[in-house]
Amino acid sequence: MNFLKQKDGFLGYDANTKIRSKVVIVPFGLEKTVSYGGGTSKAPREIIKASHQVELFDEELNKETYKHIGIRTLKFFKIKKQIKSALTQIADINEKILSNRMFPLVLGGEHSITSGSIRPFVKKFKSLYILHFDAHADLRNQYNREKFSHATAIRRCLDFKNVKVVSFGIRNLSKEEVVFYNKNRKKIKIFWCNNKNKWKISEIKKIFKNKNVYITFDVDGFDSSLMPATGTPEPGGLFWDDVMPIIKNVCSVSNVVGADINELSPIKNFHSCNFLTAKLAYKIISYVFEFKTKELNR
């Protein structure tokens, strides 16, 4: 694997050879099926650039988390032109990272990448739970005559028999998706955004306890006032303090094995959304390894 120089990669910190890298950042700016606003191909570069402004000290965890993890960033590379080939490409990359016993965090790109990203985990684990943040259910079977689309991302993940999905923030879906959801309640659990004041952390922890978990985060899960820089912004969404307790508590009870963040469409000279996404990536990594470390030390 070819990596960027540490100062040019995610967080942009100085190289420290004493840290054995546990995380690989994968820039995968796929943009093939976007259907409203575009720009996802530019997202990985802007997220990495913004990450250089993220404070390395985490006041909640009371440490500079990166020093306990080690984070490398893959060099930018050409993404395959055909959507199926691109999904195979990201699957192969994640498989190589997993074979090296490292944690992949993929920076998309459109949400269609997730069904490719999870393939090596589907093969490795008897059961895989997807922790899914999104405004949209993404349960269509096809969209604009395309089976592998940002609007079918979760449906394609559910094509794997050993995958279950738990979604947060959903507030926009089609009648077709409702029918599919109602027929597949054993594999899909939705925490509707209009009911977020009634979500219970105890219930969430019970669902994920001792499970192998992959996190996929579509940034349009955030309220559009917080995240306008996305192709399909939706009002009535999640805020930072809605999201953090969920990720933290899931990480505390489960084995989180990989993650992706998708659907940022950067707005020129408007940095807050890029920064938000970069900080989200760092918090996901920080929570994952905070609890992995505690588990190892027991």
Protein backbone atom coordinates (compact mmCIF):
# COMPACT_ATOMS: atom_id res chain seq x y z
CA MET A 1 0.00 0.00 0.00
CA ASN A 2 1.25 3.47 -0.91
CA PHE A 3 0.77 6.09 1.77
CA LEU A 4 0.92 9.87 1.85
CA LYS A 5 3.63 11.48 3.93
CA GLN A 6 2.36 11.79 7.48
CA LYS A 7 2.24 15.60 7.32
CA ASP A 8 0.09 15.41 4.17
CA GLY A 9 -2.29 12.72 5.44
CA PHE A 10 -5.26 12.74 7.77
CA LEU A 11 -4.69 15.10 10.74
CA GLY A 12 -1.32 16.16 9.27
CA TYR A 13 0.66 15.35 12.39
CA ASP A 14 4.41 14.84 12.50
CA ALA A 15 5.65 11.32 11.86
CA ASN A 16 6.39 9.22 14.94
CA THR A 17 8.00 5.90 14.13
CA LYS A 18 7.21 4.58 17.60
CA ILE A 19 3.51 4.41 16.77
CA ARG A 20 2.41 1.21 15.06
CA SER A 21 -0.34 2.29 12.70
CA LYS A 22 -3.71 0.71 13.41
CA VAL A 23 -5.90 2.81 11.10
CA VAL A 24 -5.82 3.39 7.35
CA ILE A 25 -7.71 6.32 5.85
CA VAL A 26 -8.91 5.44 2.34
CA PRO A 27 -9.78 8.38 0.07
CA PHE A 28 -12.43 7.07 -2.31
CA GLY A 29 -14.24 9.98 -3.93
CA LEU A 30 -16.63 7.97 -6.05
CA GLU A 31 -19.15 10.07 -7.96
CA LYS A 32 -21.12 7.95 -10.42
CA THR A 33 -24.83 7.97 -9.50
CA VAL A 34 -25.46 11.28 -7.70
CA SER A 35 -28.91 12.49 -8.67
CA TYR A 36 -29.27 16.02 -7.25
CA GLY A 37 -26.25 18.01 -6.03
CA GLY A 38 -22.79 16.83 -7.11
CA GLY A 39 -19.28 17.16 -5.77
CA THR A 40 -18.59 13.97 -3.82
CA SER A 41 -15.44 13.32 -5.85
CA LYS A 42 -13.86 16.34 -4.15
CA ALA A 43 -14.78 15.31 -0.62
CA PRO A 44 -11.76 13.19 0.46
CA ARG A 45 -9.23 15.91 -0.37
CA GLU A 46 -11.26 18.55 1.43
CA ILE A 47 -11.81 16.35 4.49
CA ILE A 48 -8.09 15.59 4.76
CA LYS A 49 -7.26 19.27 4.28
CA ALA A 50 -9.75 20.26 6.98
CA SER A 51 -8.43 17.57 9.33
CA HIS A 52 -5.18 19.53 9.63
CA GLN A 53 -7.21 22.08 11.60
CA VAL A 54 -8.74 19.52 13.98
CA GLU A 55 -7.30 19.73 17.48
CA LEU A 56 -5.37 16.54 18.25
CA PHE A 57 -6.24 16.63 21.96
CA ASP A 58 -9.66 15.19 22.81
CA GLU A 59 -11.00 16.92 25.91
CA GLU A 60 -13.59 14.19 26.49
CA LEU A 61 -11.09 11.32 26.40
CA ASN A 62 -8.36 13.50 27.96
CA LYS A 63 -5.60 12.55 25.55
CA GLU A 64 -4.14 13.02 22.10
CA THR A 65 -5.83 9.96 20.71
CA TYR A 66 -3.72 9.65 17.57
CA LYS A 67 -0.63 8.90 19.68
CA HIS A 68 -2.29 5.71 20.91
CA ILE A 69 -3.51 4.60 17.49
CA GLY A 70 -1.31 5.58 14.56
CA ILE A 71 -3.11 6.69 11.41
CA ARG A 72 -1.87 6.34 7.82
CA THR A 73 -3.54 7.75 4.73
CA LEU A 74 -3.47 6.04 1.36
CA LYS A 75 -2.20 8.08 -1.56
CA PHE A 76 -4.91 9.24 -3.92
CA PHE A 77 -5.45 6.80 -6.76
CA LYS A 78 -7.62 6.44 -9.84
CA ILE A 79 -11.07 5.01 -9.19
CA LYS A 80 -12.45 2.51 -11.70
CA LYS A 81 -14.91 3.99 -14.19
CA GLN A 82 -17.66 1.37 -13.96
CA ILE A 83 -19.63 1.30 -10.72
CA LYS A 84 -19.34 -2.48 -10.24
CA SER A 85 -15.60 -2.35 -10.85
CA ALA A 86 -15.26 0.53 -8.39
CA LEU A 87 -17.10 -1.47 -5.71
CA THR A 88 -14.79 -4.43 -6.29
CA GLN A 89 -11.84 -2.04 -6.08
CA ILE A 90 -12.81 -0.71 -2.63
CA ALA A 91 -13.59 -4.26 -1.48
CA ASP A 92 -10.09 -5.37 -2.46
CA ILE A 93 -8.50 -2.39 -0.71
CA ASN A 94 -10.38 -3.05 2.52
CA GLU A 95 -9.55 -6.75 2.34
CA LYS A 96 -5.85 -5.93 2.16
CA ILE A 97 -6.15 -3.53 5.10
CA LEU A 98 -8.03 -6.14 7.09
CA SER A 99 -5.45 -8.81 6.26
CA ASN A 100 -2.84 -6.50 7.79
CA ARG A 101 -4.95 -6.34 10.95
CA MET A 102 -5.71 -2.66 10.50
CA PHE A 103 -8.91 -0.63 10.64
CA PRO A 104 -10.15 0.99 7.40
CA LEU A 105 -11.99 4.28 7.44
CA VAL A 106 -13.16 5.12 3.93
CA LEU A 107 -13.77 8.75 3.01
CA GLY A 108 -16.33 8.83 0.19
CA GLY A 109 -17.60 9.61 -2.22
CA GLU A 110 -21.18 8.68 -2.71
CA HIS A 111 -22.94 6.20 -0.46
CA SER A 112 -23.01 3.43 -3.05
CA ILE A 113 -19.48 2.46 -1.93
CA THR A 114 -20.70 0.80 1.27
CA SER A 115 -21.83 -2.49 -0.27
CA GLY A 116 -18.31 -2.84 -1.66
CA SER A 117 -16.57 -1.67 1.49
CA ILE A 118 -18.24 -4.30 3.67
CA ARG A 119 -17.45 -7.33 1.50
CA PRO A 120 -14.32 -8.48 3.35
CA PHE A 121 -16.14 -8.16 6.67
CA VAL A 122 -19.11 -10.11 5.36
CA LYS A 123 -16.71 -12.90 4.43
CA LYS A 124 -14.86 -12.83 7.74
CA PHE A 125 -17.75 -12.69 10.21
CA LYS A 126 -20.77 -14.95 10.56
CA SER A 127 -22.87 -11.91 11.38
CA LEU A 128 -22.29 -8.22 10.64
CA TYR A 129 -24.37 -5.35 11.98
CA ILE A 130 -24.31 -2.04 10.11
CA LEU A 131 -24.70 1.09 12.21
CA HIS A 132 -26.23 3.44 9.65
CA PHE A 133 -26.68 7.21 9.96
CA ASP A 134 -28.66 8.83 7.16
CA ALA A 135 -31.62 11.00 6.23
CA HIS A 136 -32.67 8.37 3.70
CA ALA A 137 -33.34 4.66 4.12
CA ASP A 138 -31.51 3.80 0.85
CA LEU A 139 -33.66 0.68 0.51
CA ARG A 140 -34.71 1.06 -3.13
CA ASN A 141 -33.88 -1.90 -5.35
CA GLN A 142 -32.83 0.45 -8.14
CA TYR A 143 -32.81 4.16 -8.84
CA ASN A 144 -32.68 5.78 -12.26
CA ARG A 145 -32.41 2.22 -13.62
CA GLU A 146 -29.20 1.66 -11.65
CA LYS A 147 -29.04 -1.22 -9.15
CA PHE A 148 -25.83 0.05 -7.53
CA SER A 149 -26.74 3.62 -6.58
CA HIS A 150 -26.40 6.00 -3.66
CA ALA A 151 -30.16 5.49 -3.23
CA THR A 152 -29.84 1.69 -3.05
CA ALA A 153 -26.77 1.56 -0.80
CA ILE A 154 -28.35 -0.21 2.18
CA ARG A 155 -30.53 -2.49 0.03
CA ARG A 156 -27.35 -3.80 -1.63
CA CYS A 157 -25.79 -4.39 1.79
CA LEU A 158 -28.85 -6.43 2.77
CA ASP A 159 -28.29 -8.67 -0.26
CA PHE A 160 -25.78 -10.40 2.02
CA LYS A 161 -27.65 -12.92 4.18
CA ASN A 162 -25.51 -12.34 7.27
CA VAL A 163 -26.01 -8.54 7.37
CA LYS A 164 -28.43 -6.63 9.58
CA VAL A 165 -28.90 -2.85 9.56
CA VAL A 166 -29.76 -0.45 12.37
CA SER A 167 -30.51 3.03 11.00
CA PHE A 168 -30.62 6.40 12.75
CA GLY A 169 -31.94 9.69 11.46
CA ILE A 170 -34.23 8.39 8.71
CA ARG A 171 -36.83 10.95 7.64
CA ASN A 172 -37.23 10.48 3.90
CA LEU A 173 -38.16 7.29 2.05
CA SER A 174 -40.38 6.06 -0.75
CA LYS A 175 -43.45 3.83 -0.61
CA GLU A 176 -41.37 1.03 -2.19
CA GLU A 177 -38.88 1.31 0.66
CA VAL A 178 -41.61 1.21 3.30
CA VAL A 179 -42.97 -2.02 1.79
CA PHE A 180 -39.49 -3.59 1.78
CA TYR A 181 -38.83 -2.43 5.33
CA ASN A 182 -42.10 -3.89 6.62
CA LYS A 183 -41.29 -7.24 5.00
CA ASN A 184 -37.78 -7.34 6.45
CA ARG A 185 -38.15 -6.20 10.06
CA LYS A 186 -35.89 -9.05 11.22
CA LYS A 187 -32.97 -7.55 9.29
CA ILE A 188 -33.76 -3.82 9.58
CA LYS A 189 -34.29 -1.67 12.64
CA ILE A 190 -35.02 2.04 12.12
CA PHE A 191 -34.76 4.73 14.77
CA TRP A 192 -36.89 7.40 13.10
CA CYS A 193 -35.60 10.94 13.40
CA ASN A 194 -38.98 12.41 14.32
CA ASN A 195 -38.89 10.19 17.40
CA LYS A 196 -35.32 10.91 18.51
CA ASN A 197 -36.35 12.36 21.87
CA LYS A 198 -37.59 8.89 22.81
CA TRP A 199 -34.48 6.94 21.77
CA LYS A 200 -33.01 5.00 24.68
CA ILE A 201 -29.28 4.35 24.92
CA SER A 202 -30.01 1.22 26.94
CA GLU A 203 -32.00 -0.24 24.03
CA ILE A 204 -29.29 0.72 21.54
CA LYS A 205 -26.56 -0.92 23.64
CA LYS A 206 -28.65 -4.08 23.96
CA ILE A 207 -29.02 -4.35 20.17
CA PHE A 208 -25.28 -4.01 19.52
CA LYS A 209 -23.83 -5.83 22.52
CA ASN A 210 -21.09 -8.29 21.49
CA LYS A 211 -21.81 -7.77 17.78
CA ASN A 212 -19.38 -7.18 14.93
CA VAL A 213 -20.26 -3.71 13.65
CA TYR A 214 -19.49 -1.63 10.57
CA ILE A 215 -20.34 2.08 10.71
CA THR A 216 -21.62 3.90 7.63
CA PHE A 217 -22.33 7.59 7.96
CA ASP A 218 -24.08 9.59 5.26
CA VAL A 219 -23.55 13.20 6.29
CA ASP A 220 -27.06 14.16 5.16
CA GLY A 221 -28.13 12.39 8.34
CA PHE A 222 -27.22 15.68 9.98
CA ASP A 223 -29.80 18.44 9.85
CA SER A 224 -29.43 20.57 6.73
CA SER A 225 -28.79 23.68 8.86
CA LEU A 226 -25.67 21.94 10.15
CA MET A 227 -24.75 20.13 6.92
CA PRO A 228 -25.85 22.02 3.79
CA ALA A 229 -22.84 20.67 1.85
CA THR A 230 -24.42 17.45 0.67
CA GLY A 231 -26.23 16.37 -2.47
CA THR A 232 -29.59 15.70 -0.82
CA PRO A 233 -29.93 17.90 2.30
CA GLU A 234 -32.90 17.24 4.57
CA PRO A 235 -34.38 19.36 7.38
CA GLY A 236 -35.41 17.85 10.68
CA GLY A 237 -32.20 15.92 11.16
CA LEU A 238 -29.52 14.96 13.64
CA PHE A 239 -27.14 17.24 15.48
CA TRP A 240 -23.67 16.55 16.87
CA ASP A 241 -24.93 15.81 20.38
CA ASP A 242 -27.52 13.36 19.02
CA VAL A 243 -24.86 11.35 17.21
CA MET A 244 -21.91 11.18 19.60
CA PRO A 245 -23.61 9.21 22.42
CA ILE A 246 -24.79 6.60 19.93
CA ILE A 247 -21.36 6.02 18.41
CA LYS A 248 -19.66 6.07 21.79
CA ASN A 249 -22.04 3.59 23.39
CA VAL A 250 -22.06 1.23 20.41
CA CYS A 251 -18.26 1.21 20.46
CA SER A 252 -18.33 0.46 24.20
CA VAL A 253 -20.27 -2.79 23.81
CA SER A 254 -19.35 -4.11 20.36
CA ASN A 255 -16.47 -4.91 18.03
CA VAL A 256 -16.42 -2.10 15.47
CA VAL A 257 -14.39 -3.38 12.52
CA GLY A 258 -14.53 -0.63 9.88
CA ALA A 259 -16.31 2.54 8.80
CA ASP A 260 -17.08 4.91 5.97
CA ILE A 261 -18.28 8.52 5.75
CA ASN A 262 -20.10 9.60 2.62
CA GLU A 263 -21.98 12.24 0.64
CA LEU A 264 -20.06 15.38 1.53
CA SER A 265 -20.26 17.77 -1.44
CA PRO A 266 -17.87 20.57 -0.52
CA ILE A 267 -18.94 24.16 -1.05
CA LYS A 268 -16.15 26.46 -2.24
CA ASN A 269 -14.82 28.75 0.51
CA PHE A 270 -17.27 27.27 3.04
CA HIS A 271 -15.17 25.23 5.43
CA SER A 272 -17.42 24.30 8.35
CA CYS A 273 -18.92 21.19 6.74
CA ASN A 274 -15.50 19.86 5.70
CA PHE A 275 -14.24 20.44 9.23
CA LEU A 276 -17.31 18.79 10.77
CA THR A 277 -16.75 15.69 8.65
CA ALA A 278 -13.05 15.56 9.52
CA LYS A 279 -13.82 15.83 13.22
CA LEU A 280 -16.50 13.16 12.89
CA ALA A 281 -13.91 10.82 11.37
CA TYR A 282 -11.46 11.48 14.22
CA LYS A 283 -14.17 10.92 16.85
CA ILE A 284 -15.22 7.62 15.30
CA ILE A 285 -11.61 6.41 15.33
CA SER A 286 -11.12 7.70 18.87
CA TYR A 287 -14.18 5.93 20.26
CA VAL A 288 -13.42 2.68 18.43
CA PHE A 289 -9.93 2.42 19.86
CA GLU A 290 -10.73 3.84 23.28
CA PHE A 291 -12.78 0.74 23.96
CA LYS A 292 -10.61 -1.71 22.03
CA THR A 293 -7.71 -0.62 24.23
CA LYS A 294 -9.73 -1.04 27.41
CA GLU A 295 -10.79 -4.51 26.31
CA LEU A 296 -7.18 -5.50 25.68
CA ASN A 297 -6.12 -4.21 29.10
CA ARG A 298 -8.73 -6.16 31.08
